[in-house]
Amino acid sequence: MAGCGDTGARGESPSEGRGGTNPAAAPITPPSQKENPAPKEEQPKSPSKDPDGVPTNIPKGIPNPEPPADPAKLALKVRAYSSTSNPLAGVGKDGFARVSTYVDLAWSPAKQATQYRVSVNDGADDKFYLKATLPAKATRYRYGGGLLTNAVAIDRTYKFLVQAINSSGQTTAQAEDSTKAIYPLGMPKLVSPANGAAGTTIQPNFQWTKVNNADGYYIEVFSGMYYVPTWRGFGAGQERITMTYGDAGDFYPGTYPAVWTMVLTQGQRYTWTVTAVKTDTGNMATAKAVAESNAPSQIFVP
């Protein structure tokens, strides 16, 4: 999460995989597959192996899965996002809210693949329809994200098929997975410190409004000089609407807690923001759907 109200996905899909291009309208029906054994429950990576080099309790997108033992299969993960934000807060439109719904896919690379085909079944019938053909280096794709068109419907199951294609045009490996986006959360409103407040302590107490149905809230403070926050905390439960700078706080199941706090400097400008979050499983490591809503950031000066 960026420090100025950005609610983009945790990690970005490659540019060639964005959107919902439809190079072929013909339905694709995958060959029958044997049932896969039940997957092992995922565990969060240790802080030392975090892809961004810092321990975090906010996931940075779907990690690429490890290749399966069977070369005829891909390891595929999908996760739906319902993200609420206010991109017009900077021009005084405080009551505006935008909801973006999309699905992120990540898969293991396949040997001898020269391209990947991503197809989707949105429940209208029993067929898969080709949405994108991606180059051999691609291991990620984002489906949906549009506001009026190309949007993922809430509470509808989407099935995805990813096929690895070799130079002869044959399918060498494939995988299916499905997800269903959950309802968006309301947007928290930052209460204290007020925007532009000066002369706060170097351990200010932060307060915000409750968001119904939230699993909890992430709070972050940024100095404006670094992407990594000076402090990040998590409060569990929708009633947890206050936290003091530097508090250890709680941690969301399936993540590691943030473990750092930088001392604030008097007279320096900082920004703070709050993100409400909910998952379909209550565990970020196993979640197939995430709802998040990010309050526009506010400024304070100790």
Protein backbone atom coordinates (compact mmCIF):
# COMPACT_ATOMS: atom_id res chain seq x y z
CA MET A 1 0.00 0.00 0.00
CA ALA A 2 1.30 3.39 -0.87
CA GLY A 3 1.17 6.16 1.66
CA CYS A 4 -1.21 8.53 -0.11
CA GLY A 5 -4.46 6.62 -0.36
CA ASP A 6 -3.45 4.23 -3.13
CA THR A 7 -5.46 1.03 -2.97
CA GLY A 8 -3.86 -0.82 -5.85
CA ALA A 9 -3.27 -4.49 -5.63
CA ARG A 10 -0.43 -5.81 -3.61
CA GLY A 11 2.07 -6.18 -6.40
CA GLU A 12 1.46 -5.41 -10.04
CA SER A 13 0.61 -7.64 -12.97
CA PRO A 14 2.81 -7.22 -16.06
CA SER A 15 1.53 -4.71 -18.57
CA GLU A 16 0.88 -7.36 -21.16
CA GLY A 17 -1.52 -9.12 -18.81
CA ARG A 18 -3.79 -6.20 -17.88
CA GLY A 19 -7.35 -5.69 -18.98
CA GLY A 20 -9.76 -8.06 -20.62
CA THR A 21 -8.71 -8.26 -24.26
CA ASN A 22 -10.55 -10.92 -26.24
CA PRO A 23 -8.38 -12.15 -29.12
CA ALA A 24 -10.67 -15.10 -29.80
CA ALA A 25 -14.35 -15.38 -29.02
CA ALA A 26 -14.61 -19.11 -29.55
CA PRO A 27 -15.27 -21.07 -26.36
CA ILE A 28 -12.54 -23.29 -25.01
CA THR A 29 -13.39 -26.50 -23.25
CA PRO A 30 -10.45 -27.99 -21.34
CA PRO A 31 -9.73 -31.70 -21.49
CA SER A 32 -10.78 -33.70 -18.48
CA GLN A 33 -8.35 -33.74 -15.61
CA LYS A 34 -7.89 -36.01 -12.67
CA GLU A 35 -8.89 -34.47 -9.38
CA ASN A 36 -6.00 -32.86 -7.59
CA PRO A 37 -5.27 -33.85 -4.00
CA ALA A 38 -6.30 -31.34 -1.35
CA PRO A 39 -3.68 -28.56 -1.21
CA LYS A 40 -1.68 -28.04 1.92
CA GLU A 41 -2.60 -24.96 3.93
CA GLU A 42 -0.31 -22.09 2.99
CA GLN A 43 1.90 -20.38 5.51
CA PRO A 44 3.22 -16.83 5.26
CA LYS A 45 6.79 -16.33 4.19
CA SER A 46 9.31 -15.51 6.88
CA PRO A 47 10.34 -11.84 7.07
CA SER A 48 13.81 -12.66 5.74
CA LYS A 49 12.25 -14.09 2.57
CA ASP A 50 9.74 -11.29 2.01
CA PRO A 51 9.96 -10.26 -1.67
CA ASP A 52 10.29 -6.60 -0.70
CA GLY A 53 12.99 -7.23 1.91
CA VAL A 54 10.93 -5.99 4.85
CA PRO A 55 8.61 -7.85 7.20
CA THR A 56 5.04 -6.84 6.55
CA ASN A 57 1.53 -7.71 7.59
CA ILE A 58 0.10 -6.37 4.36
CA PRO A 59 0.53 -8.92 1.53
CA LYS A 60 2.15 -7.73 -1.69
CA GLY A 61 -0.10 -9.58 -4.09
CA ILE A 62 -0.31 -13.28 -4.78
CA PRO A 63 3.07 -15.00 -4.55
CA ASN A 64 3.94 -17.10 -7.56
CA PRO A 65 3.23 -20.73 -6.67
CA GLU A 66 5.89 -23.41 -6.77
CA PRO A 67 5.82 -25.64 -9.88
CA PRO A 68 3.92 -28.91 -9.34
CA ALA A 69 5.63 -32.28 -9.58
CA ASP A 70 3.55 -33.21 -12.62
CA PRO A 71 4.94 -31.32 -15.67
CA ALA A 72 1.52 -31.58 -17.32
CA LYS A 73 0.05 -29.27 -14.70
CA LEU A 74 0.49 -25.67 -13.66
CA ALA A 75 0.22 -24.34 -10.15
CA LEU A 76 -2.37 -21.56 -10.32
CA LYS A 77 -3.61 -19.11 -7.70
CA VAL A 78 -6.42 -16.61 -8.11
CA ARG A 79 -7.66 -13.90 -5.77
CA ALA A 80 -10.53 -11.45 -6.21
CA TYR A 81 -10.26 -7.89 -4.92
CA SER A 82 -12.99 -5.37 -4.08
CA SER A 83 -11.11 -2.10 -3.54
CA THR A 84 -12.77 1.11 -2.38
CA SER A 85 -10.95 4.44 -2.62
CA ASN A 86 -11.49 8.15 -3.22
CA PRO A 87 -9.25 9.37 -6.05
CA LEU A 88 -10.88 12.84 -5.89
CA ALA A 89 -10.07 13.55 -2.25
CA GLY A 90 -7.21 15.83 -3.28
CA VAL A 91 -9.62 18.18 -5.05
CA GLY A 92 -12.10 18.44 -2.20
CA LYS A 93 -14.52 15.65 -3.14
CA ASP A 94 -14.53 14.03 0.29
CA GLY A 95 -17.75 12.09 -0.16
CA PHE A 96 -16.76 10.39 -3.41
CA ALA A 97 -16.03 6.66 -3.41
CA ARG A 98 -14.87 4.44 -6.26
CA VAL A 99 -15.06 0.65 -6.15
CA SER A 100 -12.84 -1.42 -8.43
CA THR A 101 -13.31 -5.19 -8.65
CA TYR A 102 -10.83 -7.47 -10.35
CA VAL A 103 -9.14 -10.86 -10.11
CA ASP A 104 -5.38 -11.38 -9.98
CA LEU A 105 -3.93 -14.65 -11.31
CA ALA A 106 -0.45 -16.03 -10.69
CA TRP A 107 0.95 -19.31 -11.98
CA SER A 108 4.15 -21.33 -12.04
CA PRO A 109 6.22 -21.17 -15.25
CA ALA A 110 6.01 -24.20 -17.53
CA LYS A 111 8.93 -25.71 -19.41
CA GLN A 112 8.87 -25.34 -23.21
CA ALA A 113 6.04 -22.82 -23.03
CA THR A 114 6.15 -20.15 -25.73
CA GLN A 115 2.89 -18.52 -24.66
CA TYR A 116 0.06 -18.77 -22.16
CA ARG A 117 -3.65 -18.59 -22.82
CA VAL A 118 -5.97 -17.27 -20.12
CA SER A 119 -9.65 -18.15 -20.42
CA VAL A 120 -12.61 -17.44 -18.15
CA ASN A 121 -16.00 -18.87 -17.39
CA ASP A 122 -18.25 -16.26 -15.77
CA GLY A 123 -21.14 -18.60 -15.08
CA ALA A 124 -23.24 -17.64 -18.10
CA ASP A 125 -22.71 -21.14 -19.53
CA ASP A 126 -20.36 -24.08 -19.02
CA LYS A 127 -17.64 -22.96 -21.45
CA PHE A 128 -14.35 -21.11 -21.08
CA TYR A 129 -13.73 -18.08 -23.31
CA LEU A 130 -10.28 -16.91 -24.28
CA LYS A 131 -9.40 -13.52 -22.78
CA ALA A 132 -5.66 -13.13 -23.32
CA THR A 133 -2.65 -14.68 -25.01
CA LEU A 134 0.53 -13.83 -23.11
CA PRO A 135 4.24 -14.28 -23.86
CA ALA A 136 6.38 -17.04 -22.37
CA LYS A 137 7.78 -14.82 -19.61
CA ALA A 138 4.33 -13.97 -18.22
CA THR A 139 3.28 -15.55 -14.92
CA ARG A 140 0.58 -13.04 -13.92
CA TYR A 141 -2.62 -11.61 -15.30
CA ARG A 142 -5.31 -9.24 -14.07
CA TYR A 143 -8.89 -9.79 -15.13
CA GLY A 144 -11.44 -7.00 -14.75
CA GLY A 145 -10.91 -3.73 -12.93
CA GLY A 146 -13.14 -1.57 -15.12
CA LEU A 147 -15.78 0.69 -13.61
CA LEU A 148 -18.61 0.21 -16.10
CA THR A 149 -17.20 -2.34 -18.54
CA ASN A 150 -14.80 -5.18 -17.82
CA ALA A 151 -15.84 -5.18 -14.16
CA VAL A 152 -15.98 -8.33 -12.05
CA ALA A 153 -19.45 -8.85 -10.61
CA ILE A 154 -19.80 -9.17 -6.86
CA ASP A 155 -20.84 -12.55 -5.45
CA ARG A 156 -20.49 -14.36 -8.80
CA THR A 157 -18.16 -17.31 -9.21
CA TYR A 158 -15.52 -16.93 -11.92
CA LYS A 159 -13.53 -19.92 -13.14
CA PHE A 160 -10.15 -19.45 -14.80
CA LEU A 161 -8.17 -21.73 -17.10
CA VAL A 162 -4.48 -21.08 -17.82
CA GLN A 163 -2.83 -23.16 -20.56
CA ALA A 164 0.86 -23.35 -21.44
CA ILE A 165 1.33 -23.61 -25.22
CA ASN A 166 4.52 -24.85 -26.92
CA SER A 167 6.00 -23.83 -30.28
CA SER A 168 3.86 -26.44 -32.04
CA GLY A 169 0.66 -24.96 -30.65
CA GLN A 170 0.06 -27.86 -28.28
CA THR A 171 -1.07 -27.52 -24.68
CA THR A 172 1.73 -28.85 -22.49
CA ALA A 173 0.36 -27.91 -19.07
CA GLN A 174 -2.74 -26.29 -17.64
CA ALA A 175 -4.60 -25.50 -14.45
CA GLU A 176 -8.00 -24.27 -13.31
CA ASP A 177 -9.02 -22.24 -10.27
CA SER A 178 -12.02 -20.18 -9.23
CA THR A 179 -12.97 -17.30 -6.97
CA LYS A 180 -15.90 -15.09 -6.01
CA ALA A 181 -15.48 -11.41 -5.12
CA ILE A 182 -16.93 -10.35 -1.78
CA TYR A 183 -18.95 -7.20 -1.13
CA PRO A 184 -16.95 -3.96 -0.88
CA LEU A 185 -16.37 -2.31 2.46
CA GLY A 186 -17.34 1.23 3.35
CA MET A 187 -14.51 3.73 3.54
CA PRO A 188 -13.12 4.74 6.96
CA LYS A 189 -12.89 8.44 7.75
CA LEU A 190 -9.81 9.75 9.53
CA VAL A 191 -10.76 11.65 12.69
CA SER A 192 -7.63 12.53 14.65
CA PRO A 193 -5.06 14.02 14.17
CA ALA A 194 -7.02 16.36 11.91
CA ASN A 195 -5.62 17.06 8.47
CA GLY A 196 -2.82 19.60 8.80
CA ALA A 197 -2.62 19.32 12.60
CA ALA A 198 0.61 20.75 13.99
CA GLY A 199 2.24 20.34 17.38
CA THR A 200 1.13 16.75 17.97
CA THR A 201 3.27 14.53 20.16
CA ILE A 202 5.82 12.16 18.66
CA GLN A 203 3.48 9.35 19.78
CA PRO A 204 0.12 10.60 18.50
CA ASN A 205 -3.09 8.69 19.03
CA PHE A 206 -4.89 7.95 15.78
CA GLN A 207 -8.66 7.65 15.54
CA TRP A 208 -10.97 6.81 12.64
CA THR A 209 -14.57 5.79 12.03
CA LYS A 210 -15.87 2.23 12.17
CA VAL A 211 -16.42 0.22 9.00
CA ASN A 212 -19.14 -2.42 9.27
CA ASN A 213 -18.08 -6.02 8.60
CA ALA A 214 -14.36 -5.21 8.54
CA ASP A 215 -12.02 -7.87 9.94
CA GLY A 216 -9.77 -5.06 11.11
CA TYR A 217 -7.73 -2.04 10.10
CA TYR A 218 -4.20 -1.37 8.94
CA ILE A 219 -2.80 2.01 9.93
CA GLU A 220 0.35 3.40 8.33
CA VAL A 221 2.47 6.51 8.79
CA PHE A 222 4.84 7.80 6.11
CA SER A 223 7.53 10.45 6.23
CA GLY A 224 7.13 11.35 2.56
CA MET A 225 10.71 10.30 1.81
CA TYR A 226 10.37 6.50 1.78
CA TYR A 227 7.92 3.94 0.46
CA VAL A 228 8.33 1.90 3.63
CA PRO A 229 6.20 3.39 6.42
CA THR A 230 7.78 4.70 9.61
CA TRP A 231 5.25 2.54 11.46
CA ARG A 232 2.52 0.11 10.55
CA GLY A 233 -0.03 -1.40 12.89
CA PHE A 234 -3.07 -3.64 12.65
CA GLY A 235 -6.13 -3.56 14.87
CA ALA A 236 -8.39 -6.62 14.80
CA GLY A 237 -12.17 -6.28 14.70
CA GLN A 238 -14.48 -3.63 13.32
CA GLU A 239 -14.66 -1.87 16.71
CA ARG A 240 -10.90 -1.23 16.89
CA ILE A 241 -10.92 2.41 15.77
CA THR A 242 -8.00 3.87 17.69
CA MET A 243 -4.30 3.11 18.04
CA THR A 244 -1.24 4.93 19.35
CA TYR A 245 1.87 5.36 17.24
CA GLY A 246 4.34 2.57 17.98
CA ASP A 247 1.82 0.13 19.45
CA ALA A 248 2.56 -3.50 18.61
CA GLY A 249 -1.13 -4.03 17.89
CA ASP A 250 -2.53 -7.26 16.49
CA PHE A 251 -1.73 -9.16 13.31
CA TYR A 252 -3.95 -10.60 10.64
CA PRO A 253 -3.95 -14.43 10.50
CA GLY A 254 -1.79 -15.71 7.67
CA THR A 255 0.65 -12.81 7.86
CA TYR A 256 3.65 -11.84 9.93
CA PRO A 257 3.32 -8.73 12.12
CA ALA A 258 5.26 -5.60 11.29
CA VAL A 259 8.11 -5.26 13.77
CA TRP A 260 9.61 -1.81 13.25
CA THR A 261 8.88 1.69 14.53
CA MET A 262 10.89 4.76 13.57
CA VAL A 263 10.97 7.67 16.00
CA LEU A 264 9.09 10.68 14.65
CA THR A 265 10.96 13.97 14.31
CA GLN A 266 9.41 17.14 15.69
CA GLY A 267 8.66 19.70 13.00
CA GLN A 268 8.70 17.16 10.17
CA ARG A 269 5.64 16.54 8.04
CA TYR A 270 4.06 13.06 8.03
CA THR A 271 1.03 11.48 6.41
CA TRP A 272 -1.18 8.75 7.82
CA THR A 273 -3.88 6.55 6.38
CA VAL A 274 -6.14 3.66 7.41
CA THR A 275 -7.21 0.67 5.34
CA ALA A 276 -10.14 -1.51 6.38
CA VAL A 277 -9.82 -5.12 5.26
CA LYS A 278 -11.86 -8.32 5.07
CA THR A 279 -11.18 -11.73 3.54
CA ASP A 280 -13.42 -14.64 2.67
CA THR A 281 -11.50 -17.07 4.90
CA GLY A 282 -10.26 -14.85 7.74
CA ASN A 283 -6.71 -15.85 6.82
CA MET A 284 -4.64 -13.88 4.31
CA ALA A 285 -2.56 -16.91 3.30
CA THR A 286 -5.63 -18.88 2.20
CA ALA A 287 -7.90 -16.03 1.07
CA LYS A 288 -9.49 -16.31 -2.36
CA ALA A 289 -11.19 -12.91 -2.04
CA VAL A 290 -10.21 -9.67 -0.32
CA ALA A 291 -12.18 -6.48 0.28
CA GLU A 292 -10.24 -3.37 1.22
CA SER A 293 -11.12 0.30 1.58
CA ASN A 294 -8.50 3.00 1.95
CA ALA A 295 -9.09 6.40 3.57
CA PRO A 296 -7.47 9.39 1.84
CA SER A 297 -4.28 10.25 3.69
CA GLN A 298 -3.99 13.21 6.04
CA ILE A 299 -1.03 15.33 7.14
CA PHE A 300 0.21 15.97 10.66
CA VAL A 301 3.33 17.59 12.13
CA PRO A 302 4.63 16.60 15.59
